[in-house]
Amino acid sequence: MTRLTGGFGMRGLLLSAAIFMLAMPASAQDFPSPFVQTIAAEASENEVIAAFYRDSGYRTLWTGPAEQDAQRRSALLSALSRAGAHGLPVARYDVAKLTALLSTAQTEGDRARAEVALTRAYLAFARDVKTGATDPKAVDPGIVREIARPDPALLLAQMQARNPVELLQGLLPDSPHYAQLMRAKLALEGRIADGGWGPVVRAKALGQGDSGDAVVALRERLIAMGYLSRSATRSYDAAIQNAVQRFQLDHGLTADGIAAEATLAELNIAAEERLKSVIVAMERVRWMQGTPLGDRHIWVNLPDFTAKIMDHGKVTFETRSVIGKDVMDQHTPEFSDQMAHMVINPSWGVPRSIIVKEYLPLLQRNPNAVSHLQVIDNRGRVVPRGAVNFAGYSARTFPFGLRQPPSDGNALGLVKFMFPNKYNIYLHDTPSKNLFAHDVRAYSHGCIRLADPFDFAYALLALQSDDPQAEFARHLNTGNETTVKLEQKVPVHLVYFTAWPGAKGQMTYRRDIYGRDAKLFQALEEAGVVLPVVQG
């Protein structure tokens, strides 16, 4: 008699016995027609599944008498029972329904229906856990990441040929960050089960010298979050100040140790909301599984307002960044590409959308407006402004471009970093240095401005130059627009993580600046993801 392993106990034993009683020889001609006919009917809406059974002579994967079927069945049901730990939509796989189909099967038709149901659940789970349970582009138009979905025919062939436990384990993201996010998810669920982080802090601002109930509430939340050791103080002492500073560092805030409005707003966010951020981050990691990061790559986390150069998993360079404004058509998109070159002393070809929305109305009122920009025809030649009747054109018919020549005041600054893409997004310098002093830095039309672009350039050139600073300066000092090719293209990943493990493994959180995480969690909820019930 076959056994169902994987922790299903007596129920599994009875289930296996029922299957054994129904099991028939494995070749198509030996199967009674009800099994074959039911398999064909159940699989008819999915050509991959239909072809798999047809081409294999309707051999079983899960419900036959062979020990391999029992092993596959046990491994799959065990994996599906743990889907919730990954923040996946458990209702999509419905382990209880699958178990019921198996344990109540009385006819060959029943067994065939259970067989196909298990196959469907396997393919759905494999797809979801490997590359995400949602479609990025359906969540938000700014998430334009390409997903490398697994081949369902290959998944079925692998399940037929390989060790099922190893195969299912191998589907999980191998990123160490994914494992850290799973641990954070488990810890948050435990905290929520214990009632969360306690009462919110009701104050406008707290700092050294303050005392009272609001400080006690602050103290208790910091203790619950792991930033402060047990204490009975009612005063905002040095220990609380240090704890607040660590909290601020982990939440992208100025680490001044003062619990002012922005800090209290982040402190008062419920554990349930942080759990949503972690679950969403796990989904985003899954989306990226088919996209090699690269031993050296550039990591631009939009809500973190930073750009980093990563070498073999370590941060070797980091700078602050400015991203697109929180206006729908100016949101910086999420995608990955390859940085190919930099342009020193760049000119700025004004994007068409900016020309017709912002500059053309100004030029129609005053042809000498925005005098720092040249009017360019379709052959790249400068057109005298006096030769153009701006009022005679609409946004649709305006035939000219606008360009800002290289200069210290150029909108792109003195260098831009190019990874040619259809979204016309790149990294660049900026003359507006004051913006980098802000905690929230969403001011651009979509491109990414860097606080330290020269140092960024030196770090990129260091792999191909003995003196990257001198090489950069040589091109810069000419004042001419110069393209410098990178001998090795560098992968660039524009990502959006509001929850991410810090350098020491602690969780860090950022604001959902574009509201994308809220949309993504809603999509996950609609797919069947559920949060734990909060204890009263």
Protein backbone atom coordinates (compact mmCIF):
# COMPACT_ATOMS: atom_id res chain seq x y z
CA MET A 1 0.00 0.00 0.00
CA THR A 2 1.32 3.49 -0.83
CA ARG A 3 1.80 5.98 1.96
CA LEU A 4 1.23 9.71 1.97
CA THR A 5 4.13 11.35 3.76
CA GLY A 6 4.70 14.92 4.78
CA GLY A 7 2.86 15.23 8.07
CA PHE A 8 -0.70 14.36 7.01
CA GLY A 9 -0.98 11.47 9.51
CA MET A 10 -4.00 9.15 9.58
CA ARG A 11 -5.85 11.29 7.07
CA GLY A 12 -2.97 10.75 4.65
CA LEU A 13 -2.97 7.02 5.28
CA LEU A 14 -6.68 6.74 4.54
CA LEU A 15 -6.27 8.95 1.49
CA SER A 16 -3.48 6.75 0.16
CA ALA A 17 -5.55 3.65 0.73
CA ALA A 18 -8.43 5.12 -1.25
CA ILE A 19 -6.11 5.95 -4.13
CA PHE A 20 -4.56 2.51 -4.02
CA MET A 21 -7.96 0.90 -4.38
CA LEU A 22 -8.69 3.01 -7.45
CA ALA A 23 -5.24 2.77 -9.03
CA MET A 24 -4.92 0.99 -12.35
CA PRO A 25 -1.98 -0.01 -14.55
CA ALA A 26 -0.06 2.93 -15.93
CA SER A 27 -0.31 2.56 -19.74
CA ALA A 28 -3.07 4.27 -21.75
CA GLN A 29 -4.50 1.04 -23.15
CA ASP A 30 -4.82 -0.41 -19.62
CA PHE A 31 -6.63 2.61 -18.21
CA PRO A 32 -10.39 2.23 -18.39
CA SER A 33 -11.90 4.80 -20.69
CA PRO A 34 -13.57 6.80 -17.89
CA PHE A 35 -10.14 7.84 -16.53
CA VAL A 36 -8.76 8.81 -19.95
CA GLN A 37 -11.95 10.54 -21.00
CA THR A 38 -12.16 12.51 -17.76
CA ILE A 39 -8.49 13.53 -17.93
CA ALA A 40 -9.01 14.73 -21.50
CA ALA A 41 -12.14 16.64 -20.56
CA GLU A 42 -10.69 18.21 -17.40
CA ALA A 43 -7.48 19.28 -19.19
CA SER A 44 -9.15 20.48 -22.39
CA GLU A 45 -8.97 24.16 -21.45
CA ASN A 46 -5.21 24.04 -20.92
CA GLU A 47 -3.31 22.79 -23.95
CA VAL A 48 -0.06 22.32 -22.01
CA ILE A 49 -1.71 20.02 -19.47
CA ALA A 50 -3.72 18.26 -22.16
CA ALA A 51 -0.58 17.65 -24.25
CA PHE A 52 1.38 16.41 -21.25
CA TYR A 53 -1.12 13.66 -20.45
CA ARG A 54 -1.77 12.85 -24.08
CA ASP A 55 1.94 12.54 -24.91
CA SER A 56 2.68 10.47 -21.81
CA GLY A 57 -0.08 7.99 -22.58
CA TYR A 58 -2.15 9.36 -19.67
CA ARG A 59 0.35 8.23 -17.07
CA THR A 60 -0.30 9.71 -13.65
CA LEU A 61 1.88 12.15 -11.76
CA TRP A 62 0.04 12.09 -8.46
CA THR A 63 -2.69 9.48 -8.14
CA GLY A 64 -1.21 6.22 -9.37
CA PRO A 65 -0.12 3.27 -7.20
CA ALA A 66 3.60 3.81 -7.74
CA GLU A 67 5.74 5.06 -4.88
CA GLN A 68 6.84 7.98 -7.10
CA ASP A 69 3.25 9.21 -7.31
CA ALA A 70 2.93 9.07 -3.54
CA GLN A 71 6.18 11.00 -3.12
CA ARG A 72 5.10 13.67 -5.60
CA ARG A 73 1.69 13.96 -4.00
CA SER A 74 3.13 14.25 -0.51
CA ALA A 75 5.77 16.79 -1.56
CA LEU A 76 3.23 18.94 -3.38
CA LEU A 77 0.63 18.97 -0.62
CA SER A 78 3.31 19.79 1.93
CA ALA A 79 4.61 22.67 -0.21
CA LEU A 80 1.11 24.02 -0.79
CA SER A 81 0.33 23.86 2.92
CA ARG A 82 3.28 26.24 3.49
CA ALA A 83 2.33 28.71 0.73
CA GLY A 84 1.01 31.20 3.27
CA ALA A 85 4.51 31.56 4.75
CA HIS A 86 5.56 33.05 1.41
CA GLY A 87 2.75 35.56 1.36
CA LEU A 88 1.11 33.67 -1.50
CA PRO A 89 -2.63 33.34 -2.18
CA VAL A 90 -3.36 30.05 -0.44
CA ALA A 91 -6.95 30.02 -1.73
CA ARG A 92 -5.58 29.69 -5.26
CA TYR A 93 -4.19 26.23 -4.46
CA ASP A 94 -6.88 25.16 -1.94
CA VAL A 95 -5.14 22.28 -0.17
CA ALA A 96 -8.33 21.35 1.67
CA LYS A 97 -10.19 20.89 -1.61
CA LEU A 98 -7.38 18.84 -3.11
CA THR A 99 -7.25 16.60 -0.05
CA ALA A 100 -11.01 16.15 -0.17
CA LEU A 101 -10.90 15.23 -3.87
CA LEU A 102 -8.31 12.56 -3.11
CA SER A 103 -9.87 11.14 0.02
CA THR A 104 -13.40 10.94 -1.37
CA ALA A 105 -12.52 9.60 -4.82
CA GLN A 106 -14.65 6.51 -5.54
CA THR A 107 -14.50 6.23 -9.32
CA GLU A 108 -11.87 6.48 -12.00
CA GLY A 109 -13.50 9.73 -13.04
CA ASP A 110 -13.06 11.04 -9.49
CA ARG A 111 -9.39 10.07 -9.55
CA ALA A 112 -8.88 11.74 -12.93
CA ARG A 113 -10.43 14.96 -11.63
CA ALA A 114 -8.12 14.85 -8.61
CA GLU A 115 -5.15 14.19 -10.90
CA VAL A 116 -5.78 17.26 -13.05
CA ALA A 117 -6.62 19.42 -10.02
CA LEU A 118 -3.24 18.56 -8.48
CA THR A 119 -1.49 19.37 -11.75
CA ARG A 120 -3.22 22.73 -11.98
CA ALA A 121 -2.33 23.53 -8.38
CA TYR A 122 1.30 22.54 -8.97
CA LEU A 123 1.65 24.77 -12.04
CA ALA A 124 -0.05 27.69 -10.30
CA PHE A 125 2.13 27.36 -7.21
CA ALA A 126 5.33 26.89 -9.22
CA ARG A 127 4.60 29.99 -11.27
CA ASP A 128 3.65 32.08 -8.25
CA VAL A 129 6.48 31.11 -5.91
CA LYS A 130 9.12 31.36 -8.63
CA THR A 131 8.11 34.59 -10.39
CA GLY A 132 5.21 36.14 -8.48
CA ALA A 133 1.47 35.70 -8.11
CA THR A 134 0.55 38.98 -9.82
CA ASP A 135 1.13 40.70 -13.16
CA PRO A 136 3.21 43.86 -12.55
CA LYS A 137 1.82 45.81 -15.49
CA ALA A 138 -1.74 45.11 -14.37
CA VAL A 139 -0.95 46.53 -10.93
CA ASP A 140 0.43 49.91 -12.00
CA PRO A 141 1.47 51.32 -15.41
CA GLY A 142 4.78 52.44 -13.91
CA ILE A 143 5.80 48.86 -13.11
CA VAL A 144 7.14 47.85 -16.50
CA ARG A 145 9.35 45.02 -15.30
CA GLU A 146 9.52 42.06 -17.67
CA ILE A 147 8.81 38.76 -15.93
CA ALA A 148 10.50 35.55 -17.09
CA ARG A 149 7.71 33.08 -16.31
CA PRO A 150 8.60 29.38 -16.02
CA ASP A 151 7.66 27.08 -18.90
CA PRO A 152 4.74 24.94 -17.66
CA ALA A 153 5.65 22.08 -20.01
CA LEU A 154 9.16 22.04 -18.54
CA LEU A 155 7.75 22.14 -15.01
CA LEU A 156 5.66 19.06 -15.73
CA ALA A 157 8.57 17.23 -17.31
CA GLN A 158 10.74 18.08 -14.32
CA MET A 159 8.15 16.83 -11.86
CA GLN A 160 7.98 13.57 -13.80
CA ALA A 161 11.75 13.08 -13.84
CA ARG A 162 13.20 14.68 -10.72
CA ASN A 163 13.08 14.36 -6.96
CA PRO A 164 9.88 16.28 -6.13
CA VAL A 165 11.07 17.66 -2.80
CA GLU A 166 14.26 19.05 -4.36
CA LEU A 167 12.36 20.39 -7.36
CA LEU A 168 9.81 22.26 -5.24
CA GLN A 169 12.51 23.60 -2.95
CA GLY A 170 14.44 24.80 -5.99
CA LEU A 171 11.51 26.92 -7.13
CA LEU A 172 11.92 29.26 -4.14
CA PRO A 173 13.85 32.50 -4.69
CA ASP A 174 17.49 31.95 -3.76
CA SER A 175 18.03 35.59 -2.73
CA PRO A 176 19.28 35.95 0.85
CA HIS A 177 17.03 39.01 1.10
CA TYR A 178 14.02 36.81 0.44
CA ALA A 179 14.88 34.62 3.41
CA GLN A 180 15.32 37.73 5.57
CA LEU A 181 11.95 39.05 4.46
CA MET A 182 10.35 35.70 5.34
CA ARG A 183 11.82 35.93 8.82
CA ALA A 184 10.54 39.48 9.17
CA LYS A 185 7.10 38.31 8.07
CA LEU A 186 7.07 35.60 10.72
CA ALA A 187 8.24 38.04 13.42
CA LEU A 188 5.59 40.60 12.49
CA GLU A 189 2.87 37.97 12.52
CA GLY A 190 3.97 36.98 16.02
CA ARG A 191 3.94 40.61 17.13
CA ILE A 192 0.47 41.12 15.65
CA ALA A 193 -0.79 38.01 17.42
CA ASP A 194 0.45 39.56 20.68
CA GLY A 195 -1.48 42.76 20.03
CA GLY A 196 0.91 44.80 17.90
CA TRP A 197 3.18 47.61 19.07
CA GLY A 198 0.85 49.13 21.61
CA PRO A 199 -1.01 52.46 21.71
CA VAL A 200 -0.06 55.16 19.23
CA VAL A 201 1.96 58.14 20.43
CA ARG A 202 -0.32 61.16 20.68
CA ALA A 203 1.94 64.19 20.46
CA LYS A 204 3.07 66.78 17.95
CA ALA A 205 6.73 66.44 18.88
CA LEU A 206 8.82 64.95 21.68
CA GLY A 207 12.41 65.54 22.64
CA GLN A 208 14.90 65.96 25.48
CA GLY A 209 13.22 67.37 28.57
CA ASP A 210 9.74 66.04 27.78
CA SER A 211 7.95 63.61 30.08
CA GLY A 212 4.53 62.15 30.68
CA ASP A 213 2.10 59.73 29.06
CA ALA A 214 3.17 60.48 25.48
CA VAL A 215 6.79 59.66 26.34
CA VAL A 216 5.63 56.42 27.97
CA ALA A 217 3.72 55.49 24.81
CA LEU A 218 6.82 56.30 22.74
CA ARG A 219 8.96 54.21 25.09
CA GLU A 220 6.62 51.22 24.84
CA ARG A 221 6.50 51.29 21.04
CA LEU A 222 10.28 51.54 20.80
CA ILE A 223 10.59 48.55 23.16
CA ALA A 224 8.07 46.53 21.14
CA MET A 225 9.91 47.36 17.91
CA GLY A 226 13.25 46.26 19.37
CA TYR A 227 14.90 49.67 19.51
CA LEU A 228 14.93 50.05 23.29
CA SER A 229 15.59 47.79 26.27
CA ARG A 230 13.01 47.43 29.00
CA SER A 231 12.68 50.66 30.95
CA ALA A 232 10.32 52.39 33.39
CA THR A 233 11.32 55.95 32.55
CA ARG A 234 8.68 58.59 31.91
CA SER A 235 11.22 61.10 30.62
CA TYR A 236 12.75 61.53 27.18
CA ASP A 237 16.23 60.48 28.27
CA ALA A 238 19.42 59.68 26.36
CA ALA A 239 18.40 56.03 25.87
CA ILE A 240 15.13 57.05 24.20
CA GLN A 241 16.96 59.63 22.10
CA ASN A 242 19.42 57.00 20.86
CA ALA A 243 16.57 54.60 20.13
CA VAL A 244 14.77 57.28 18.14
CA GLN A 245 17.93 57.94 16.14
CA ARG A 246 18.25 54.26 15.23
CA PHE A 247 14.57 54.19 14.27
CA GLN A 248 15.08 57.26 12.08
CA LEU A 249 18.05 55.69 10.30
CA ASP A 250 15.99 52.57 9.56
CA HIS A 251 13.11 54.63 8.18
CA GLY A 252 14.91 57.10 5.94
CA LEU A 253 14.56 60.06 8.29
CA THR A 254 17.05 62.67 9.45
CA ALA A 255 18.65 61.04 12.50
CA ASP A 256 18.44 63.97 14.91
CA GLY A 257 16.96 61.99 17.82
CA ILE A 258 13.90 64.25 17.99
CA ALA A 259 10.50 62.61 17.63
CA ALA A 260 8.95 65.35 15.51
CA GLU A 261 5.94 65.07 13.20
CA ALA A 262 7.53 62.95 10.43
CA THR A 263 9.16 60.57 12.92
CA LEU A 264 5.98 60.14 14.96
CA ALA A 265 4.01 59.48 11.77
CA GLU A 266 6.34 56.58 10.96
CA LEU A 267 6.38 55.33 14.56
CA ASN A 268 2.59 55.22 14.62
CA ILE A 269 2.29 53.01 11.56
CA ALA A 270 0.72 49.73 12.66
CA ALA A 271 2.52 46.39 12.52
CA GLU A 272 -0.15 45.20 10.07
CA GLU A 273 0.90 47.90 7.59
CA ARG A 274 4.55 46.95 7.93
CA LEU A 275 3.56 43.33 7.33
CA LYS A 276 1.87 44.38 4.09
CA SER A 277 5.11 46.09 3.03
CA VAL A 278 7.10 42.91 3.73
CA ILE A 279 4.64 40.70 1.82
CA VAL A 280 4.75 43.10 -1.13
CA ALA A 281 8.57 43.12 -1.01
CA MET A 282 8.59 39.31 -1.19
CA GLU A 283 6.42 39.50 -4.30
CA ARG A 284 8.79 42.02 -5.89
CA VAL A 285 11.77 39.73 -5.19
CA ARG A 286 9.89 36.91 -6.94
CA TRP A 287 9.26 39.15 -9.94
CA MET A 288 13.02 39.62 -10.33
CA GLN A 289 14.03 35.95 -10.20
CA GLY A 290 14.46 35.67 -13.94
CA THR A 291 16.54 38.85 -14.10
CA PRO A 292 20.23 38.26 -13.25
CA LEU A 293 21.44 41.01 -10.93
CA GLY A 294 25.03 40.83 -12.15
CA ASP A 295 28.18 40.53 -10.02
CA ARG A 296 28.47 44.30 -10.42
CA HIS A 297 25.20 46.15 -10.75
CA ILE A 298 23.52 49.46 -10.02
CA TRP A 299 20.62 49.31 -7.55
CA VAL A 300 18.30 52.32 -7.49
CA ASN A 301 15.62 51.86 -4.83
CA LEU A 302 13.15 54.62 -5.64
CA PRO A 303 11.46 55.01 -2.21
CA ASP A 304 14.90 54.99 -0.56
CA PHE A 305 16.08 57.86 -2.80
CA THR A 306 19.49 56.25 -3.24
CA ALA A 307 21.60 54.82 -6.04
CA LYS A 308 24.15 52.16 -5.14
CA ILE A 309 26.88 50.29 -6.96
CA MET A 310 26.92 46.69 -5.75
CA ASP A 311 29.91 44.40 -6.21
CA HIS A 312 29.36 40.73 -5.35
CA GLY A 313 26.51 41.63 -3.00
CA LYS A 314 28.35 44.45 -1.19
CA VAL A 315 27.69 48.18 -1.47
CA THR A 316 30.86 49.75 -2.88
CA PHE A 317 29.38 53.17 -3.66
CA GLU A 318 26.23 54.97 -2.55
CA THR A 319 24.76 58.38 -3.27
CA ARG A 320 21.46 60.14 -2.65
CA SER A 321 19.06 60.46 -5.53
CA VAL A 322 16.07 62.50 -6.68
CA ILE A 323 13.29 60.61 -8.47
CA GLY A 324 10.18 61.54 -10.46
CA LYS A 325 7.48 63.69 -8.92
CA ASP A 326 4.38 62.10 -7.44
CA VAL A 327 2.43 62.96 -10.60
CA MET A 328 1.25 59.96 -12.60
CA ASP A 329 3.01 60.81 -15.88
CA GLN A 330 6.22 61.75 -14.04
CA HIS A 331 6.60 58.67 -11.85
CA THR A 332 9.94 56.92 -12.39
CA PRO A 333 9.20 53.45 -13.79
CA GLU A 334 10.53 50.15 -12.47
CA PHE A 335 12.61 48.03 -14.85
CA SER A 336 16.08 46.59 -15.43
CA ASP A 337 18.50 47.36 -18.24
CA GLN A 338 22.22 47.65 -19.04
CA MET A 339 24.25 50.85 -18.58
CA ALA A 340 26.34 51.23 -21.71
CA HIS A 341 28.01 54.64 -21.56
CA MET A 342 28.18 58.05 -19.94
CA VAL A 343 28.00 61.44 -21.62
CA ILE A 344 30.22 64.17 -20.19
CA ASN A 345 29.14 67.78 -20.81
CA PRO A 346 25.77 66.61 -22.10
CA SER A 347 23.28 68.70 -23.98
CA TRP A 348 19.68 68.27 -22.93
CA GLY A 349 17.20 67.30 -25.56
CA VAL A 350 13.96 68.35 -23.90
CA PRO A 351 11.44 65.47 -23.92
CA ARG A 352 8.44 66.03 -26.18
CA SER A 353 6.01 65.84 -23.26
CA ILE A 354 7.80 68.69 -21.44
CA ILE A 355 8.01 70.76 -24.62
CA VAL A 356 4.29 70.72 -25.38
CA LYS A 357 3.00 70.79 -21.79
CA GLU A 358 5.37 73.31 -20.22
CA TYR A 359 7.47 75.25 -22.72
CA LEU A 360 5.27 75.74 -25.78
CA PRO A 361 2.62 77.72 -23.83
CA LEU A 362 5.41 79.98 -22.51
CA LEU A 363 6.82 80.49 -26.01
CA GLN A 364 3.39 81.25 -27.41
CA ARG A 365 3.04 84.08 -24.88
CA ASN A 366 6.62 85.25 -25.24
CA PRO A 367 8.90 83.94 -28.05
CA ASN A 368 11.96 84.93 -25.99
CA ALA A 369 10.95 82.82 -23.00
CA VAL A 370 13.24 80.01 -21.77
CA SER A 371 16.13 81.67 -23.56
CA HIS A 372 18.57 79.03 -22.35
CA LEU A 373 16.99 76.57 -24.80
CA GLN A 374 17.73 76.36 -28.51
CA VAL A 375 14.96 75.68 -31.04
CA ILE A 376 15.95 72.68 -33.17
CA ASP A 377 14.50 71.42 -36.46
CA ASN A 378 14.10 67.75 -37.36
CA ARG A 379 17.66 67.66 -38.75
CA GLY A 380 19.18 68.93 -35.50
CA ARG A 381 19.87 72.46 -36.80
CA VAL A 382 19.35 75.54 -34.62
CA VAL A 383 16.40 77.65 -35.83
CA PRO A 384 16.30 81.39 -35.02
CA ARG A 385 13.36 82.13 -32.76
CA GLY A 386 12.33 85.03 -34.94
CA ALA A 387 11.69 82.58 -37.77
CA VAL A 388 9.11 80.61 -35.77
CA ASN A 389 5.48 81.61 -35.21
CA PHE A 390 4.93 79.70 -31.98
CA ALA A 391 1.31 80.84 -31.75
CA GLY A 392 0.60 79.14 -35.06
CA TYR A 393 1.14 75.65 -33.68
CA SER A 394 -0.69 73.38 -31.29
CA ALA A 395 0.81 70.74 -29.03
CA ARG A 396 0.07 68.19 -31.76
CA THR A 397 1.49 70.14 -34.72
CA PHE A 398 4.56 71.84 -33.17
CA PRO A 399 7.39 70.51 -35.42
CA PHE A 400 10.45 71.64 -33.45
CA GLY A 401 12.53 70.32 -30.62
CA LEU A 402 14.22 72.21 -27.80
CA ARG A 403 17.78 71.66 -26.66
CA GLN A 404 19.94 73.07 -23.89
CA PRO A 405 23.66 73.16 -24.83
CA PRO A 406 26.32 71.91 -22.41
CA SER A 407 26.90 74.27 -19.49
CA ASP A 408 27.18 74.40 -15.71
CA GLY A 409 23.49 75.29 -15.59
CA ASN A 410 22.38 72.47 -17.90
CA ALA A 411 19.38 70.58 -16.52
CA LEU A 412 21.45 67.38 -16.73
CA GLY A 413 24.42 68.95 -15.01
CA LEU A 414 27.82 67.89 -16.33
CA VAL A 415 27.35 64.15 -16.82
CA LYS A 416 24.61 61.66 -17.58
CA PHE A 417 24.67 57.87 -17.39
CA MET A 418 22.88 56.05 -20.17
CA PHE A 419 21.13 52.69 -20.30
CA PRO A 420 19.13 53.31 -23.51
CA ASN A 421 15.50 52.37 -22.98
CA LYS A 422 12.12 53.18 -24.47
CA TYR A 423 11.12 55.08 -21.34
CA ASN A 424 13.88 57.69 -21.85
CA ILE A 425 15.05 57.26 -18.25
CA TYR A 426 18.66 57.74 -17.19
CA LEU A 427 20.81 58.88 -14.26
CA HIS A 428 22.37 62.33 -14.30
CA ASP A 429 23.94 65.28 -12.51
CA THR A 430 21.85 68.34 -11.64
CA PRO A 431 22.50 72.00 -10.80
CA SER A 432 19.72 71.84 -8.17
CA LYS A 433 21.90 70.52 -5.35
CA ASN A 434 19.67 71.89 -2.59
CA LEU A 435 17.04 69.18 -3.19
CA PHE A 436 19.31 66.47 -1.80
CA ALA A 437 18.93 67.89 1.71
CA HIS A 438 15.27 66.76 1.84
CA ASP A 439 14.16 63.41 3.27
CA VAL A 440 11.60 62.92 0.50
CA ARG A 441 13.19 63.65 -2.88
CA ALA A 442 10.58 63.32 -5.62
CA TYR A 443 11.10 66.36 -7.85
CA SER A 444 12.16 65.27 -11.35
CA HIS A 445 10.18 64.55 -14.51
CA GLY A 446 11.10 60.86 -14.15
CA CYS A 447 14.86 60.62 -14.58
CA ILE A 448 17.12 60.03 -11.58
CA ARG A 449 19.37 62.82 -10.36
CA LEU A 450 22.49 61.96 -8.36
CA ALA A 451 24.00 63.93 -5.49
CA ASP A 452 27.56 62.75 -6.25
CA PRO A 453 27.67 62.15 -10.01
CA PHE A 454 31.41 62.67 -10.43
CA ASP A 455 32.23 60.10 -7.76
CA PHE A 456 29.69 57.77 -9.36
CA ALA A 457 31.52 58.21 -12.68
CA TYR A 458 34.90 57.52 -11.06
CA ALA A 459 33.57 54.29 -9.55
CA LEU A 460 32.31 53.12 -12.94
CA LEU A 461 35.52 54.07 -14.75
CA ALA A 462 37.75 52.46 -12.12
CA LEU A 463 37.37 49.07 -13.84
CA GLN A 464 38.79 50.39 -17.11
CA SER A 465 41.15 53.21 -16.12
CA ASP A 466 44.23 53.44 -13.90
CA ASP A 467 43.28 57.04 -13.08
CA PRO A 468 39.51 57.45 -13.49
CA GLN A 469 39.46 60.97 -12.04
CA ALA A 470 42.04 62.22 -14.50
CA GLU A 471 40.28 60.55 -17.42
CA PHE A 472 36.96 62.09 -16.44
CA ALA A 473 38.54 65.54 -15.94
CA ARG A 474 40.24 65.36 -19.35
CA HIS A 475 36.87 65.03 -21.08
CA LEU A 476 35.13 67.48 -18.76
CA ASN A 477 37.68 70.23 -19.28
CA THR A 478 37.13 70.31 -23.04
CA GLY A 479 33.63 71.66 -22.51
CA ASN A 480 32.51 69.51 -25.42
CA GLU A 481 29.86 66.83 -25.31
CA THR A 482 31.75 63.52 -25.11
CA THR A 483 30.52 59.93 -24.95
CA VAL A 484 32.61 57.53 -22.86
CA LYS A 485 31.76 53.89 -23.44
CA LEU A 486 31.81 51.44 -20.56
CA GLU A 487 33.94 48.50 -21.60
CA GLN A 488 31.69 46.22 -19.55
CA LYS A 489 28.00 47.07 -19.50
CA VAL A 490 26.60 47.31 -15.99
CA PRO A 491 23.10 46.01 -15.15
CA VAL A 492 20.84 48.73 -13.77
CA HIS A 493 17.85 47.82 -11.61
CA LEU A 494 15.27 50.49 -10.85
CA VAL A 495 13.33 48.93 -7.98
CA TYR A 496 10.64 49.92 -5.50
CA PHE A 497 11.08 48.36 -2.06
CA THR A 498 9.43 50.04 0.92
CA ALA A 499 10.60 47.14 3.11
CA TRP A 500 14.16 45.88 2.77
CA PRO A 501 16.74 44.21 5.02
CA GLY A 502 19.48 46.57 6.18
CA ALA A 503 23.20 45.87 6.20
CA LYS A 504 22.96 44.25 9.64
CA GLY A 505 19.87 42.22 8.78
CA GLN A 506 17.40 44.57 10.49
CA MET A 507 14.30 45.60 8.56
CA THR A 508 14.21 49.09 7.09
CA TYR A 509 11.07 50.79 5.81
CA ARG A 510 10.30 53.65 3.45
CA ARG A 511 7.23 55.60 2.40
CA ASP A 512 5.04 54.28 -0.43
CA ILE A 513 5.75 57.47 -2.36
CA TYR A 514 3.76 56.52 -5.51
CA GLY A 515 1.14 54.34 -3.84
CA ARG A 516 2.35 51.32 -5.81
CA ASP A 517 2.65 49.06 -2.77
CA ALA A 518 -0.95 49.77 -1.80
CA LYS A 519 -2.08 48.73 -5.30
CA LEU A 520 0.10 45.64 -5.25
CA PHE A 521 -1.16 44.48 -1.88
CA GLN A 522 -4.72 44.99 -3.07
CA ALA A 523 -3.95 42.78 -6.08
CA LEU A 524 -2.48 40.13 -3.77
CA GLU A 525 -5.54 40.30 -1.53
CA GLU A 526 -7.81 39.88 -4.54
CA ALA A 527 -5.75 36.82 -5.50
CA GLY A 528 -6.26 35.32 -2.04
CA VAL A 529 -3.49 36.61 0.25
CA VAL A 530 -4.75 37.13 3.80
CA LEU A 531 -3.29 38.81 6.86
CA PRO A 532 -3.43 37.17 10.29
CA VAL A 533 -6.40 38.08 12.46
CA VAL A 534 -5.52 40.74 15.01
CA GLN A 535 -6.10 39.57 18.56
CA GLY A 536 -8.35 41.78 20.67
